C-alpha atoms as a PDB file:
ATOM      1  CA  UNK A   1     165.134  32.864 113.837  1.00  0.00           C
ATOM      2  CA  UNK A   2     165.349  29.258 113.057  1.00  0.00           C
ATOM      3  CA  UNK A   3     164.297  26.983 115.828  1.00  0.00           C
ATOM      4  CA  UNK A   4     165.266  23.317 115.577  1.00  0.00           C
ATOM      5  CA  UNK A   5     163.486  20.405 116.864  1.00  0.00           C
ATOM      6  CA  UNK A   6     165.050  16.863 116.757  1.00  0.00           C
ATOM      7  CA  UNK A   7     163.518  13.580 118.105  1.00  0.00           C
ATOM      8  CA  UNK A   8     164.272   9.862 118.182  1.00  0.00           C
ATOM      9  CA  UNK A   9     161.910   7.253 119.483  1.00  0.00           C
ATOM     10  CA  UNK A  10     164.330   5.590 122.057  1.00  0.00           C
ATOM     11  CA  UNK A  11     167.465   6.356 123.849  1.00  0.00           C
ATOM     12  CA  UNK A  12     169.226   3.682 121.806  1.00  0.00           C
ATOM     13  CA  UNK A  13     168.996   5.980 118.794  1.00  0.00           C
ATOM     14  CA  UNK A  14     171.801   8.206 119.805  1.00  0.00           C
ATOM     15  CA  UNK A  15     173.447   8.420 116.418  1.00  0.00           C
ATOM     16  CA  UNK A  16     170.063   9.233 114.712  1.00  0.00           C
ATOM     17  CA  UNK A  17     169.732  12.229 117.292  1.00  0.00           C
ATOM     18  CA  UNK A  18     173.108  13.674 116.677  1.00  0.00           C
ATOM     19  CA  UNK A  19     172.713  13.386 112.820  1.00  0.00           C
ATOM     20  CA  UNK A  20     169.392  15.437 113.113  1.00  0.00           C
ATOM     21  CA  UNK A  21     171.069  17.912 115.478  1.00  0.00           C
ATOM     22  CA  UNK A  22     174.144  18.386 113.098  1.00  0.00           C
ATOM     23  CA  UNK A  23     171.688  18.908 110.128  1.00  0.00           C
ATOM     24  CA  UNK A  24     169.670  21.522 112.137  1.00  0.00           C
ATOM     25  CA  UNK A  25     172.720  23.357 113.013  1.00  0.00           C
ATOM     26  CA  UNK A  26     174.187  23.264 109.346  1.00  0.00           C
ATOM     27  CA  UNK A  27     170.696  24.655 108.182  1.00  0.00           C
ATOM     28  CA  UNK A  28     171.349  27.611 110.440  1.00  0.00           C
ATOM     29  CA  UNK A  29     169.127  26.918 113.576  1.00  0.00           C
ATOM     30  CA  UNK A  30     170.146  29.153 116.482  1.00  0.00           C
ATOM     31  CA  UNK A  31     168.155  27.231 119.207  1.00  0.00           C
ATOM     32  CA  UNK A  32     167.731  23.337 118.999  1.00  0.00           C
ATOM     33  CA  UNK A  33     165.277  21.294 121.279  1.00  0.00           C
ATOM     34  CA  UNK A  34     165.928  17.538 121.249  1.00  0.00           C
ATOM     35  CA  UNK A  35     164.458  14.549 123.019  1.00  0.00           C
ATOM     36  CA  UNK A  36     164.433  10.831 122.928  1.00  0.00           C
ATOM     37  CA  UNK A  37     160.780   9.858 123.181  1.00  0.00           C
ATOM     38  CA  UNK A  38     158.033   7.984 121.429  1.00  0.00           C
ATOM     39  CA  UNK A  39     155.845  10.206 119.310  1.00  0.00           C
ATOM     40  CA  UNK A  40     152.888   8.867 121.188  1.00  0.00           C
ATOM     41  CA  UNK A  41     154.324   9.998 124.563  1.00  0.00           C
ATOM     42  CA  UNK A  42     154.433  13.612 126.094  1.00  0.00           C
ATOM     43  CA  UNK A  43     156.897  15.537 123.916  1.00  0.00           C
ATOM     44  CA  UNK A  44     158.269  18.098 126.481  1.00  0.00           C
ATOM     45  CA  UNK A  45     160.785  19.612 124.134  1.00  0.00           C
ATOM     46  CA  UNK A  46     158.424  19.912 121.252  1.00  0.00           C
ATOM     47  CA  UNK A  47     155.986  21.827 123.560  1.00  0.00           C
ATOM     48  CA  UNK A  48     158.991  23.992 124.644  1.00  0.00           C
ATOM     49  CA  UNK A  49     160.009  24.744 120.900  1.00  0.00           C
ATOM     50  CA  UNK A  50     156.444  25.700 120.112  1.00  0.00           C
ATOM     51  CA  UNK A  51     156.384  27.793 123.325  1.00  0.00           C
ATOM     52  CA  UNK A  52     159.746  29.445 122.372  1.00  0.00           C
ATOM     53  CA  UNK A  53     158.957  30.353 118.774  1.00  0.00           C
ATOM     54  CA  UNK A  54     158.092  34.032 118.015  1.00  0.00           C
ATOM     55  CA  UNK A  55     156.557  35.672 115.052  1.00  0.00           C
ATOM     56  CA  UNK A  56     158.837  35.429 111.878  1.00  0.00           C
ATOM     57  CA  UNK A  57     160.574  32.289 113.293  1.00  0.00           C
ATOM     58  CA  UNK A  58     160.587  28.821 111.648  1.00  0.00           C
ATOM     59  CA  UNK A  59     160.248  25.674 113.451  1.00  0.00           C
ATOM     60  CA  UNK A  60     162.808  23.381 111.686  1.00  0.00           C
ATOM     61  CA  UNK A  61     162.825  19.452 111.663  1.00  0.00           C
ATOM     62  CA  UNK A  62     164.940  17.119 109.238  1.00  0.00           C
ATOM     63  CA  UNK A  63     162.063  14.877 108.446  1.00  0.00           C
ATOM     64  CA  UNK A  64     158.164  15.291 108.715  1.00  0.00           C
ATOM     65  CA  UNK A  65     158.066  11.849 111.024  1.00  0.00           C
ATOM     66  CA  UNK A  66     160.340  13.457 113.453  1.00  0.00           C
ATOM     67  CA  UNK A  67     157.606  16.051 114.170  1.00  0.00           C
ATOM     68  CA  UNK A  68     154.227  14.446 113.886  1.00  0.00           C
ATOM     69  CA  UNK A  69     152.867  11.054 114.191  1.00  0.00           C
ATOM     70  CA  UNK A  70     149.668  11.632 112.161  1.00  0.00           C
ATOM     71  CA  UNK A  71     148.076  14.184 109.698  1.00  0.00           C
ATOM     72  CA  UNK A  72     146.063  15.396 112.743  1.00  0.00           C
ATOM     73  CA  UNK A  73     149.075  15.964 114.907  1.00  0.00           C
ATOM     74  CA  UNK A  74     150.959  17.866 112.122  1.00  0.00           C
ATOM     75  CA  UNK A  75     147.766  19.997 111.550  1.00  0.00           C
ATOM     76  CA  UNK A  76     147.815  20.888 115.282  1.00  0.00           C
ATOM     77  CA  UNK A  77     151.463  21.859 115.241  1.00  0.00           C
ATOM     78  CA  UNK A  78     151.269  23.659 112.062  1.00  0.00           C
ATOM     79  CA  UNK A  79     148.267  25.610 113.488  1.00  0.00           C
ATOM     80  CA  UNK A  80     149.975  26.483 116.622  1.00  0.00           C
ATOM     81  CA  UNK A  81     153.159  27.845 114.769  1.00  0.00           C
ATOM     82  CA  UNK A  82     150.739  29.783 112.398  1.00  0.00           C
ATOM     83  CA  UNK A  83     148.966  31.422 115.287  1.00  0.00           C
ATOM     84  CA  UNK A  84     152.265  32.793 116.437  1.00  0.00           C
ATOM     85  CA  UNK A  85     153.193  33.970 113.082  1.00  0.00           C
ATOM     86  CA  UNK A  86     155.642  31.377 112.494  1.00  0.00           C
ATOM     87  CA  UNK A  87     156.139  28.537 109.921  1.00  0.00           C
ATOM     88  CA  UNK A  88     157.340  24.918 109.977  1.00  0.00           C
ATOM     89  CA  UNK A  89     160.152  24.017 107.780  1.00  0.00           C
ATOM     90  CA  UNK A  90     161.043  20.319 106.815  1.00  0.00           C
ATOM     91  CA  UNK A  91     164.477  20.082 105.535  1.00  0.00           C
ATOM     92  CA  UNK A  92     164.217  16.656 103.602  1.00  0.00           C
ATOM     93  CA  UNK A  93     161.373  17.905 101.781  1.00  0.00           C
ATOM     94  CA  UNK A  94     162.589  21.498 101.100  1.00  0.00           C
ATOM     95  CA  UNK A  95     159.237  22.747 102.230  1.00  0.00           C
ATOM     96  CA  UNK A  96     158.226  25.749 104.385  1.00  0.00           C
ATOM     97  CA  UNK A  97     154.605  26.350 105.514  1.00  0.00           C
ATOM     98  CA  UNK A  98     155.176  29.814 104.988  1.00  0.00           C
ATOM     99  CA  UNK A  99     153.789  29.532 101.414  1.00  0.00           C
ATOM    100  CA  UNK A 100     150.390  28.367 100.254  1.00  0.00           C
ATOM    101  CA  UNK A 101     152.122  25.765  97.761  1.00  0.00           C
ATOM    102  CA  UNK A 102     154.294  24.372 100.626  1.00  0.00           C
ATOM    103  CA  UNK A 103     151.379  24.016 102.917  1.00  0.00           C
ATOM    104  CA  UNK A 104     149.313  22.110 100.097  1.00  0.00           C
ATOM    105  CA  UNK A 105     152.366  19.952  99.284  1.00  0.00           C
ATOM    106  CA  UNK A 106     153.156  19.391 103.197  1.00  0.00           C
ATOM    107  CA  UNK A 107     149.321  18.310 103.528  1.00  0.00           C
ATOM    108  CA  UNK A 108     149.699  15.858 100.811  1.00  0.00           C
ATOM    109  CA  UNK A 109     152.841  14.279 102.112  1.00  0.00           C
ATOM    110  CA  UNK A 110     151.380  13.994 105.609  1.00  0.00           C
ATOM    111  CA  UNK A 111     148.217  12.374 104.373  1.00  0.00           C
ATOM    112  CA  UNK A 112     150.508   9.762 102.455  1.00  0.00           C
ATOM    113  CA  UNK A 113     152.740   9.159 105.274  1.00  0.00           C
ATOM    114  CA  UNK A 114     149.580   8.688 107.556  1.00  0.00           C
ATOM    115  CA  UNK A 115     148.122   6.207 105.064  1.00  0.00           C
ATOM    116  CA  UNK A 116     151.347   4.224 104.840  1.00  0.00           C
ATOM    117  CA  UNK A 117     151.650   3.817 108.615  1.00  0.00           C
ATOM    118  CA  UNK A 118     147.995   2.735 108.587  1.00  0.00           C
ATOM    119  CA  UNK A 119     148.673   0.145 106.024  1.00  0.00           C
ATOM    120  CA  UNK A 120     151.966  -1.051 107.845  1.00  0.00           C
ATOM    121  CA  UNK A 121     150.074  -1.301 111.109  1.00  0.00           C
ATOM    122  CA  UNK A 122     147.171  -3.340 109.339  1.00  0.00           C
ATOM    123  CA  UNK A 123     149.760  -5.681 107.570  1.00  0.00           C
ATOM    124  CA  UNK A 124     151.491  -6.066 111.192  1.00  0.00           C
ATOM    125  CA  UNK A 125     148.084  -7.119 112.664  1.00  0.00           C
ATOM    126  CA  UNK A 126     147.401  -9.474 109.952  1.00  0.00           C
ATOM    127  CA  UNK A 127     150.892 -10.981 110.400  1.00  0.00           C
ATOM    128  CA  UNK A 128     150.520 -11.527 114.029  1.00  0.00           C
ATOM    129  CA  UNK A 129     147.074 -13.106 113.494  1.00  0.00           C
ATOM    130  CA  UNK A 130     148.554 -15.488 111.082  1.00  0.00           C
ATOM    131  CA  UNK A 131     151.479 -16.181 113.363  1.00  0.00           C
ATOM    132  CA  UNK A 132     149.084 -16.870 116.279  1.00  0.00           C
ATOM    133  CA  UNK A 133     146.862 -19.386 114.097  1.00  0.00           C
ATOM    134  CA  UNK A 134     149.911 -21.219 113.272  1.00  0.00           C
ATOM    135  CA  UNK A 135     150.936 -21.271 116.888  1.00  0.00           C
ATOM    136  CA  UNK A 136     154.174 -19.358 116.146  1.00  0.00           C
ATOM    137  CA  UNK A 137     153.421 -16.345 118.214  1.00  0.00           C
ATOM    138  CA  UNK A 138     153.044 -16.161 121.883  1.00  0.00           C
ATOM    139  CA  UNK A 139     153.280 -12.524 122.654  1.00  0.00           C
ATOM    140  CA  UNK A 140     155.691 -11.066 125.072  1.00  0.00           C
ATOM    141  CA  UNK A 141     156.340 -13.120 128.268  1.00  0.00           C
ATOM    142  CA  UNK A 142     154.754 -11.911 131.232  1.00  0.00           C
ATOM    143  CA  UNK A 143     157.499 -10.141 133.347  1.00  0.00           C
ATOM    144  CA  UNK A 144     155.713 -10.335 136.829  1.00  0.00           C
ATOM    145  CA  UNK A 145     154.520 -14.038 136.410  1.00  0.00           C
ATOM    146  CA  UNK A 146     158.049 -14.991 135.639  1.00  0.00           C
ATOM    147  CA  UNK A 147     159.104 -13.779 139.293  1.00  0.00           C
ATOM    148  CA  UNK A 148     156.222 -15.617 140.951  1.00  0.00           C
ATOM    149  CA  UNK A 149     158.466 -17.803 142.962  1.00  0.00           C
ATOM    150  CA  UNK A 150     160.705 -14.942 143.984  1.00  0.00           C
ATOM    151  CA  UNK A 151     157.656 -12.844 145.122  1.00  0.00           C
ATOM    152  CA  UNK A 152     156.043 -15.887 147.102  1.00  0.00           C
ATOM    153  CA  UNK A 153     159.460 -16.669 148.738  1.00  0.00           C
ATOM    154  CA  UNK A 154     159.861 -12.964 149.756  1.00  0.00           C
ATOM    155  CA  UNK A 155     156.220 -12.839 151.125  1.00  0.00           C
ATOM    156  CA  UNK A 156     156.881 -15.912 153.252  1.00  0.00           C
ATOM    157  CA  UNK A 157     160.009 -14.249 154.541  1.00  0.00           C
ATOM    158  CA  UNK A 158     157.601 -11.707 155.959  1.00  0.00           C
ATOM    159  CA  UNK A 159     158.756  -8.986 153.423  1.00  0.00           C
ATOM    160  CA  UNK A 160     156.091  -6.461 152.721  1.00  0.00           C
ATOM    161  CA  UNK A 161     154.372  -6.172 149.259  1.00  0.00           C
ATOM    162  CA  UNK A 162     155.602  -2.778 148.563  1.00  0.00           C
ATOM    163  CA  UNK A 163     159.090  -3.765 149.409  1.00  0.00           C
ATOM    164  CA  UNK A 164     158.862  -6.858 147.180  1.00  0.00           C
ATOM    165  CA  UNK A 165     157.658  -4.788 144.286  1.00  0.00           C
ATOM    166  CA  UNK A 166     160.824  -2.466 144.705  1.00  0.00           C
ATOM    167  CA  UNK A 167     163.166  -5.321 144.854  1.00  0.00           C
ATOM    168  CA  UNK A 168     161.879  -7.273 141.964  1.00  0.00           C
ATOM    169  CA  UNK A 169     161.123  -4.324 139.787  1.00  0.00           C
ATOM    170  CA  UNK A 170     157.423  -5.251 139.219  1.00  0.00           C
ATOM    171  CA  UNK A 171     154.290  -3.247 140.233  1.00  0.00           C
ATOM    172  CA  UNK A 172     152.713  -3.531 143.578  1.00  0.00           C
ATOM    173  CA  UNK A 173     149.429  -4.629 141.973  1.00  0.00           C
ATOM    174  CA  UNK A 174     151.390  -7.487 140.170  1.00  0.00           C
ATOM    175  CA  UNK A 175     152.668  -8.760 143.703  1.00  0.00           C
ATOM    176  CA  UNK A 176     149.267  -8.818 145.012  1.00  0.00           C
ATOM    177  CA  UNK A 177     147.933 -10.618 142.199  1.00  0.00           C
ATOM    178  CA  UNK A 178     150.754 -13.235 142.511  1.00  0.00           C
ATOM    179  CA  UNK A 179     150.074 -13.580 146.113  1.00  0.00           C
ATOM    180  CA  UNK A 180     146.300 -13.585 145.653  1.00  0.00           C
ATOM    181  CA  UNK A 181     146.498 -16.467 142.969  1.00  0.00           C
ATOM    182  CA  UNK A 182     148.841 -18.453 145.280  1.00  0.00           C
ATOM    183  CA  UNK A 183     146.078 -18.166 148.034  1.00  0.00           C
ATOM    184  CA  UNK A 184     148.371 -16.327 150.355  1.00  0.00           C
ATOM    185  CA  UNK A 185     146.310 -13.108 150.797  1.00  0.00           C
ATOM    186  CA  UNK A 186     142.490 -12.548 149.947  1.00  0.00           C
ATOM    187  CA  UNK A 187     140.982 -10.240 147.395  1.00  0.00           C
ATOM    188  CA  UNK A 188     140.172  -7.603 150.097  1.00  0.00           C
ATOM    189  CA  UNK A 189     143.763  -7.050 150.537  1.00  0.00           C
ATOM    190  CA  UNK A 190     144.665  -6.138 147.104  1.00  0.00           C
ATOM    191  CA  UNK A 191     143.695  -2.407 147.074  1.00  0.00           C
END
């Protein structure tokens, strides 16, 4: 049986997910697992797909980066499928880990993809450092501190910190930090 897996990093990428699912159906997948989650987060549907596959099945993805975030991640997934007697099939590369030649080629592609990602991240870090040095990069605006006045006003109106956190959409620890820095509560009350 062909078992498909589709993933996009964010919920905003609906079209990308739909395109992957359509390609998986076209390739003959009888069961498809899909999710919209970052590759570094827990991928529940990938775990479900790996649990679902049986001997002789193939886990099918449209692209290697939809399946694995690194060479180590890919090798772990490939090992889990091989232990079940199944294989991994990547449509855009026309490869299936069922053969020794395809496994070698996939390992080469995965290594190159990981190298490209590491180079991209290195360039990104360099660009951020340069922008910071030039005073052009400030980082993201702290969301909790932007709500300091609102938090303090609600606290002075006798609203409890947990309630303030819920109504402002910030964490309870952030509420306590704001109140502490404003001198409204002591350090002992922050736990």
